[in-house]
């Protein structure tokens, strides 16, 4: 089963060559592959062990669309996203997008959200508001609304992010990390501190990834 999941992720990268042939000439197509010793997202642990991933992105001007898939032990997480971003002459960057998180197996049900972002210099702020489809296999479970606000600081490979949840979700997390390039690969290490109704725990993870143009 594990081999099957990794094969499916790898197939997404192999399909990129076909995708790039139909992309507009003025646009750009890129792909990425990666591995983390533990997969955490917004302060919440998704896997207790390693997770492989792959993604594919198309950009044209400020517009972008993409997909990303990761092994979450009980199936795959498959993300689809798109949006538009601009950078003003002042150096301020602004973005608006949408994201859907879909899952195979019984790991979780879908999340659908709108994403807003802004950045200036070393600091970036993100806000997402979304809806969760409810507990898998529980017909009586109702949908849930959530929001997440993040503030990040990045400089010379070091990064720090504070996130706080709202609406039907509660909790906050803090993540610090460092990343660098070694032999053409991006290598990183991070530590996460989660609280409230999130993981309420600390974790360290290592990551290895590579991005390339097609």
C-alpha atoms as a PDB file:
ATOM      1  CA  UNK A   1       0.000   0.000   0.000  1.00  0.00           C
ATOM      2  CA  UNK A   2       2.808   2.396   0.832  1.00  0.00           C
ATOM      3  CA  UNK A   3       4.444   1.708  -2.533  1.00  0.00           C
ATOM      4  CA  UNK A   4       1.159   2.391  -4.310  1.00  0.00           C
ATOM      5  CA  UNK A   5       0.805   5.800  -2.651  1.00  0.00           C
ATOM      6  CA  UNK A   6       4.324   6.859  -3.565  1.00  0.00           C
ATOM      7  CA  UNK A   7       3.752   5.638  -7.140  1.00  0.00           C
ATOM      8  CA  UNK A   8       0.639   7.784  -7.430  1.00  0.00           C
ATOM      9  CA  UNK A   9       2.548  10.843  -6.193  1.00  0.00           C
ATOM     10  CA  UNK A  10       5.384  10.184  -8.631  1.00  0.00           C
ATOM     11  CA  UNK A  11       2.875   9.885 -11.485  1.00  0.00           C
ATOM     12  CA  UNK A  12       1.851  13.488 -10.901  1.00  0.00           C
ATOM     13  CA  UNK A  13       5.400  14.598 -11.667  1.00  0.00           C
ATOM     14  CA  UNK A  14       5.663  12.384 -14.747  1.00  0.00           C
ATOM     15  CA  UNK A  15       2.437  13.892 -16.077  1.00  0.00           C
ATOM     16  CA  UNK A  16       3.979  17.349 -15.912  1.00  0.00           C
ATOM     17  CA  UNK A  17       5.655  16.996 -19.303  1.00  0.00           C
ATOM     18  CA  UNK A  18       2.261  16.577 -20.969  1.00  0.00           C
ATOM     19  CA  UNK A  19       0.838  19.498 -19.009  1.00  0.00           C
ATOM     20  CA  UNK A  20       3.665  21.816 -20.028  1.00  0.00           C
ATOM     21  CA  UNK A  21       2.980  21.196 -23.722  1.00  0.00           C
ATOM     22  CA  UNK A  22      -0.520  22.665 -23.456  1.00  0.00           C
ATOM     23  CA  UNK A  23       0.491  25.639 -21.292  1.00  0.00           C
ATOM     24  CA  UNK A  24       0.484  29.087 -22.855  1.00  0.00           C
ATOM     25  CA  UNK A  25       3.837  30.111 -24.286  1.00  0.00           C
ATOM     26  CA  UNK A  26       4.147  33.168 -22.050  1.00  0.00           C
ATOM     27  CA  UNK A  27       3.353  31.165 -18.911  1.00  0.00           C
ATOM     28  CA  UNK A  28       5.643  28.906 -16.907  1.00  0.00           C
ATOM     29  CA  UNK A  29       5.227  25.403 -15.539  1.00  0.00           C
ATOM     30  CA  UNK A  30       7.143  24.043 -12.561  1.00  0.00           C
ATOM     31  CA  UNK A  31       7.068  20.878 -10.495  1.00  0.00           C
ATOM     32  CA  UNK A  32       8.253  19.885  -7.054  1.00  0.00           C
ATOM     33  CA  UNK A  33       8.902  16.729  -5.080  1.00  0.00           C
ATOM     34  CA  UNK A  34       9.555  16.407  -1.375  1.00  0.00           C
ATOM     35  CA  UNK A  35       9.779  14.326   1.761  1.00  0.00           C
ATOM     36  CA  UNK A  36       9.274  15.242   5.430  1.00  0.00           C
ATOM     37  CA  UNK A  37      10.008  13.122   8.476  1.00  0.00           C
ATOM     38  CA  UNK A  38       6.614  14.203   9.878  1.00  0.00           C
ATOM     39  CA  UNK A  39       3.933  16.108   7.993  1.00  0.00           C
ATOM     40  CA  UNK A  40       2.497  19.066   9.910  1.00  0.00           C
ATOM     41  CA  UNK A  41       0.080  21.629   8.492  1.00  0.00           C
ATOM     42  CA  UNK A  42      -0.811  24.819  10.319  1.00  0.00           C
ATOM     43  CA  UNK A  43       0.344  23.345  13.578  1.00  0.00           C
ATOM     44  CA  UNK A  44      -1.613  20.092  13.256  1.00  0.00           C
ATOM     45  CA  UNK A  45       0.177  16.771  12.818  1.00  0.00           C
ATOM     46  CA  UNK A  46      -0.978  14.891   9.722  1.00  0.00           C
ATOM     47  CA  UNK A  47       1.405  11.918   9.913  1.00  0.00           C
ATOM     48  CA  UNK A  48       3.422  10.352  12.702  1.00  0.00           C
ATOM     49  CA  UNK A  49       6.055   9.202  10.232  1.00  0.00           C
ATOM     50  CA  UNK A  50       7.498  10.201   6.880  1.00  0.00           C
ATOM     51  CA  UNK A  51       5.418  11.632   4.046  1.00  0.00           C
ATOM     52  CA  UNK A  52       6.308  11.946   0.356  1.00  0.00           C
ATOM     53  CA  UNK A  53       4.773  14.673  -1.805  1.00  0.00           C
ATOM     54  CA  UNK A  54       4.718  16.103  -5.325  1.00  0.00           C
ATOM     55  CA  UNK A  55       3.231  19.196  -6.916  1.00  0.00           C
ATOM     56  CA  UNK A  56       2.667  20.920 -10.240  1.00  0.00           C
ATOM     57  CA  UNK A  57       2.179  24.669 -10.829  1.00  0.00           C
ATOM     58  CA  UNK A  58       1.356  26.937 -13.755  1.00  0.00           C
ATOM     59  CA  UNK A  59       1.887  30.713 -13.623  1.00  0.00           C
ATOM     60  CA  UNK A  60       1.021  33.426 -16.128  1.00  0.00           C
ATOM     61  CA  UNK A  61       1.575  36.993 -15.025  1.00  0.00           C
ATOM     62  CA  UNK A  62       0.035  37.223 -11.582  1.00  0.00           C
ATOM     63  CA  UNK A  63      -2.341  34.299 -12.161  1.00  0.00           C
ATOM     64  CA  UNK A  64      -1.525  30.807 -10.921  1.00  0.00           C
ATOM     65  CA  UNK A  65      -3.108  27.361 -10.645  1.00  0.00           C
ATOM     66  CA  UNK A  66      -1.651  24.213  -9.189  1.00  0.00           C
ATOM     67  CA  UNK A  67      -2.050  20.880  -7.490  1.00  0.00           C
ATOM     68  CA  UNK A  68      -0.138  19.138  -4.714  1.00  0.00           C
ATOM     69  CA  UNK A  69      -0.422  15.613  -3.296  1.00  0.00           C
ATOM     70  CA  UNK A  70       0.987  14.056  -0.135  1.00  0.00           C
ATOM     71  CA  UNK A  71       0.907  10.663   1.563  1.00  0.00           C
ATOM     72  CA  UNK A  72      -1.159  10.875   4.770  1.00  0.00           C
ATOM     73  CA  UNK A  73      -0.840   7.179   5.724  1.00  0.00           C
ATOM     74  CA  UNK A  74      -4.560   6.395   5.274  1.00  0.00           C
ATOM     75  CA  UNK A  75      -4.709   7.576   1.669  1.00  0.00           C
ATOM     76  CA  UNK A  76      -3.614  10.735  -0.094  1.00  0.00           C
ATOM     77  CA  UNK A  77      -4.198  14.417   0.472  1.00  0.00           C
ATOM     78  CA  UNK A  78      -4.796  16.115  -2.890  1.00  0.00           C
ATOM     79  CA  UNK A  79      -4.883  19.908  -2.991  1.00  0.00           C
ATOM     80  CA  UNK A  80      -6.130  22.088  -5.843  1.00  0.00           C
ATOM     81  CA  UNK A  81      -5.606  25.839  -5.773  1.00  0.00           C
ATOM     82  CA  UNK A  82      -5.586  28.980  -7.879  1.00  0.00           C
ATOM     83  CA  UNK A  83      -5.461  32.724  -7.521  1.00  0.00           C
ATOM     84  CA  UNK A  84      -3.877  36.024  -8.421  1.00  0.00           C
ATOM     85  CA  UNK A  85      -1.034  37.956  -6.832  1.00  0.00           C
ATOM     86  CA  UNK A  86       0.562  41.336  -7.474  1.00  0.00           C
ATOM     87  CA  UNK A  87       3.588  43.243  -6.205  1.00  0.00           C
ATOM     88  CA  UNK A  88       3.343  47.036  -6.059  1.00  0.00           C
ATOM     89  CA  UNK A  89       6.185  49.442  -6.749  1.00  0.00           C
ATOM     90  CA  UNK A  90       6.365  50.098  -3.019  1.00  0.00           C
ATOM     91  CA  UNK A  91       7.358  46.465  -2.442  1.00  0.00           C
ATOM     92  CA  UNK A  92       3.992  45.486  -0.973  1.00  0.00           C
ATOM     93  CA  UNK A  93       2.666  42.161  -2.298  1.00  0.00           C
ATOM     94  CA  UNK A  94      -1.018  41.179  -2.238  1.00  0.00           C
ATOM     95  CA  UNK A  95      -2.736  37.908  -3.077  1.00  0.00           C
ATOM     96  CA  UNK A  96      -6.215  36.385  -3.398  1.00  0.00           C
ATOM     97  CA  UNK A  97      -6.886  32.700  -3.985  1.00  0.00           C
ATOM     98  CA  UNK A  98      -8.992  29.636  -3.332  1.00  0.00           C
ATOM     99  CA  UNK A  99      -7.916  26.183  -2.146  1.00  0.00           C
ATOM    100  CA  UNK A 100      -9.654  22.829  -1.801  1.00  0.00           C
ATOM    101  CA  UNK A 101      -8.151  19.974   0.236  1.00  0.00           C
ATOM    102  CA  UNK A 102      -9.460  16.546  -0.833  1.00  0.00           C
ATOM    103  CA  UNK A 103      -8.639  13.132   0.644  1.00  0.00           C
ATOM    104  CA  UNK A 104      -8.728   9.542  -0.483  1.00  0.00           C
ATOM    105  CA  UNK A 105      -9.381   6.816   2.084  1.00  0.00           C
ATOM    106  CA  UNK A 106     -10.817   7.700   5.487  1.00  0.00           C
ATOM    107  CA  UNK A 107      -8.200  10.180   6.667  1.00  0.00           C
ATOM    108  CA  UNK A 108     -10.476  13.230   6.605  1.00  0.00           C
ATOM    109  CA  UNK A 109     -13.239  14.970   4.681  1.00  0.00           C
ATOM    110  CA  UNK A 110     -12.795  17.964   2.376  1.00  0.00           C
ATOM    111  CA  UNK A 111     -11.829  21.512   3.333  1.00  0.00           C
ATOM    112  CA  UNK A 112     -12.632  24.440   1.022  1.00  0.00           C
ATOM    113  CA  UNK A 113     -11.342  27.938   1.684  1.00  0.00           C
ATOM    114  CA  UNK A 114     -10.635  31.451   0.422  1.00  0.00           C
ATOM    115  CA  UNK A 115      -7.094  32.740   0.981  1.00  0.00           C
ATOM    116  CA  UNK A 116      -5.865  36.309   1.407  1.00  0.00           C
ATOM    117  CA  UNK A 117      -2.216  37.303   1.763  1.00  0.00           C
ATOM    118  CA  UNK A 118      -0.023  40.381   2.073  1.00  0.00           C
ATOM    119  CA  UNK A 119       3.705  40.797   2.440  1.00  0.00           C
ATOM    120  CA  UNK A 120       6.278  43.533   2.809  1.00  0.00           C
ATOM    121  CA  UNK A 121       9.971  43.012   3.298  1.00  0.00           C
ATOM    122  CA  UNK A 122      10.626  40.199   5.754  1.00  0.00           C
ATOM    123  CA  UNK A 123       7.027  40.012   7.012  1.00  0.00           C
ATOM    124  CA  UNK A 124       3.991  38.300   5.495  1.00  0.00           C
ATOM    125  CA  UNK A 125       0.418  37.905   6.739  1.00  0.00           C
ATOM    126  CA  UNK A 126      -2.123  35.318   5.621  1.00  0.00           C
ATOM    127  CA  UNK A 127      -5.825  34.891   6.347  1.00  0.00           C
ATOM    128  CA  UNK A 128      -7.974  31.965   5.231  1.00  0.00           C
ATOM    129  CA  UNK A 129     -11.654  31.327   5.833  1.00  0.00           C
ATOM    130  CA  UNK A 130     -13.087  27.941   5.025  1.00  0.00           C
ATOM    131  CA  UNK A 131     -15.627  25.195   5.545  1.00  0.00           C
ATOM    132  CA  UNK A 132     -15.028  21.613   6.637  1.00  0.00           C
ATOM    133  CA  UNK A 133     -17.356  18.848   5.375  1.00  0.00           C
ATOM    134  CA  UNK A 134     -17.529  17.070   8.759  1.00  0.00           C
ATOM    135  CA  UNK A 135     -16.338  13.814  10.322  1.00  0.00           C
ATOM    136  CA  UNK A 136     -15.755  10.982   7.845  1.00  0.00           C
ATOM    137  CA  UNK A 137     -18.318   8.203   8.220  1.00  0.00           C
ATOM    138  CA  UNK A 138     -20.532  10.152  10.637  1.00  0.00           C
ATOM    139  CA  UNK A 139     -23.777  10.999   8.846  1.00  0.00           C
ATOM    140  CA  UNK A 140     -24.965  13.035  11.831  1.00  0.00           C
ATOM    141  CA  UNK A 141     -21.890  15.260  11.787  1.00  0.00           C
ATOM    142  CA  UNK A 142     -22.433  18.790  10.560  1.00  0.00           C
ATOM    143  CA  UNK A 143     -20.169  21.024   8.541  1.00  0.00           C
ATOM    144  CA  UNK A 144     -17.853  23.353  10.390  1.00  0.00           C
ATOM    145  CA  UNK A 145     -16.565  26.841   9.674  1.00  0.00           C
ATOM    146  CA  UNK A 146     -13.005  27.842  10.490  1.00  0.00           C
ATOM    147  CA  UNK A 147     -10.515  30.635   9.927  1.00  0.00           C
ATOM    148  CA  UNK A 148      -6.769  30.851  10.321  1.00  0.00           C
ATOM    149  CA  UNK A 149      -4.606  33.964  10.652  1.00  0.00           C
ATOM    150  CA  UNK A 150      -0.830  33.633  10.282  1.00  0.00           C
ATOM    151  CA  UNK A 151       2.045  36.079  10.650  1.00  0.00           C
ATOM    152  CA  UNK A 152       5.444  35.023   9.312  1.00  0.00           C
ATOM    153  CA  UNK A 153       8.960  36.416   9.398  1.00  0.00           C
ATOM    154  CA  UNK A 154      11.739  35.118   7.145  1.00  0.00           C
ATOM    155  CA  UNK A 155      15.371  36.165   6.815  1.00  0.00           C
ATOM    156  CA  UNK A 156      18.531  34.431   5.551  1.00  0.00           C
ATOM    157  CA  UNK A 157      16.970  30.970   5.665  1.00  0.00           C
ATOM    158  CA  UNK A 158      15.487  31.380   9.139  1.00  0.00           C
ATOM    159  CA  UNK A 159      11.715  31.582   9.498  1.00  0.00           C
ATOM    160  CA  UNK A 160       9.071  31.891  12.173  1.00  0.00           C
ATOM    161  CA  UNK A 161       5.280  31.653  11.933  1.00  0.00           C
ATOM    162  CA  UNK A 162       2.549  32.294  14.472  1.00  0.00           C
ATOM    163  CA  UNK A 163      -0.953  31.078  13.637  1.00  0.00           C
ATOM    164  CA  UNK A 164      -4.272  31.391  15.416  1.00  0.00           C
ATOM    165  CA  UNK A 165      -7.618  29.747  14.597  1.00  0.00           C
ATOM    166  CA  UNK A 166     -11.093  31.260  14.731  1.00  0.00           C
ATOM    167  CA  UNK A 167     -14.806  30.555  14.067  1.00  0.00           C
ATOM    168  CA  UNK A 168     -15.638  26.943  15.071  1.00  0.00           C
ATOM    169  CA  UNK A 169     -11.939  26.119  15.572  1.00  0.00           C
ATOM    170  CA  UNK A 170      -9.749  27.236  18.447  1.00  0.00           C
ATOM    171  CA  UNK A 171      -6.043  27.081  19.049  1.00  0.00           C
ATOM    172  CA  UNK A 172      -2.733  28.545  18.064  1.00  0.00           C
ATOM    173  CA  UNK A 173       0.703  27.366  17.071  1.00  0.00           C
ATOM    174  CA  UNK A 174       4.231  28.671  16.628  1.00  0.00           C
ATOM    175  CA  UNK A 175       6.713  27.237  14.147  1.00  0.00           C
ATOM    176  CA  UNK A 176      10.391  28.072  13.701  1.00  0.00           C
ATOM    177  CA  UNK A 177      12.704  26.648  11.098  1.00  0.00           C
ATOM    178  CA  UNK A 178      15.791  26.945   8.984  1.00  0.00           C
ATOM    179  CA  UNK A 179      16.295  25.956   5.361  1.00  0.00           C
ATOM    180  CA  UNK A 180      19.195  25.962   2.930  1.00  0.00           C
ATOM    181  CA  UNK A 181      20.221  24.453  -0.405  1.00  0.00           C
ATOM    182  CA  UNK A 182      22.606  21.507  -0.499  1.00  0.00           C
ATOM    183  CA  UNK A 183      23.559  19.834  -3.774  1.00  0.00           C
ATOM    184  CA  UNK A 184      20.582  21.290  -5.623  1.00  0.00           C
ATOM    185  CA  UNK A 185      18.081  20.180  -2.963  1.00  0.00           C
ATOM    186  CA  UNK A 186      16.288  22.312  -0.381  1.00  0.00           C
ATOM    187  CA  UNK A 187      16.978  20.934   3.087  1.00  0.00           C
ATOM    188  CA  UNK A 188      15.209  22.155   6.205  1.00  0.00           C
ATOM    189  CA  UNK A 189      14.529  21.556   9.870  1.00  0.00           C
ATOM    190  CA  UNK A 190      11.628  22.891  11.898  1.00  0.00           C
ATOM    191  CA  UNK A 191      10.093  22.837  15.365  1.00  0.00           C
ATOM    192  CA  UNK A 192       6.370  23.270  16.046  1.00  0.00           C
ATOM    193  CA  UNK A 193       4.657  24.222  19.294  1.00  0.00           C
ATOM    194  CA  UNK A 194       0.891  23.628  19.184  1.00  0.00           C
ATOM    195  CA  UNK A 195      -1.741  24.384  21.814  1.00  0.00           C
ATOM    196  CA  UNK A 196      -5.420  24.437  22.762  1.00  0.00           C
ATOM    197  CA  UNK A 197      -7.594  22.017  20.749  1.00  0.00           C
ATOM    198  CA  UNK A 198      -4.801  21.426  18.248  1.00  0.00           C
ATOM    199  CA  UNK A 199      -2.014  18.934  18.970  1.00  0.00           C
ATOM    200  CA  UNK A 200      -1.069  20.455  22.341  1.00  0.00           C
ATOM    201  CA  UNK A 201       2.432  19.148  21.787  1.00  0.00           C
ATOM    202  CA  UNK A 202       5.905  19.903  20.443  1.00  0.00           C
ATOM    203  CA  UNK A 203       7.489  18.264  17.419  1.00  0.00           C
ATOM    204  CA  UNK A 204      10.635  18.476  15.309  1.00  0.00           C
ATOM    205  CA  UNK A 205      10.759  17.530  11.644  1.00  0.00           C
ATOM    206  CA  UNK A 206      13.237  17.427   8.779  1.00  0.00           C
ATOM    207  CA  UNK A 207      12.462  18.112   5.127  1.00  0.00           C
ATOM    208  CA  UNK A 208      14.041  17.479   1.736  1.00  0.00           C
ATOM    209  CA  UNK A 209      12.617  18.893  -1.493  1.00  0.00           C
ATOM    210  CA  UNK A 210      13.448  19.956  -5.026  1.00  0.00           C
ATOM    211  CA  UNK A 211      11.665  22.282  -7.450  1.00  0.00           C
ATOM    212  CA  UNK A 212      12.352  22.479 -11.170  1.00  0.00           C
ATOM    213  CA  UNK A 213      11.029  24.260 -14.256  1.00  0.00           C
ATOM    214  CA  UNK A 214       9.506  22.277 -17.099  1.00  0.00           C
END
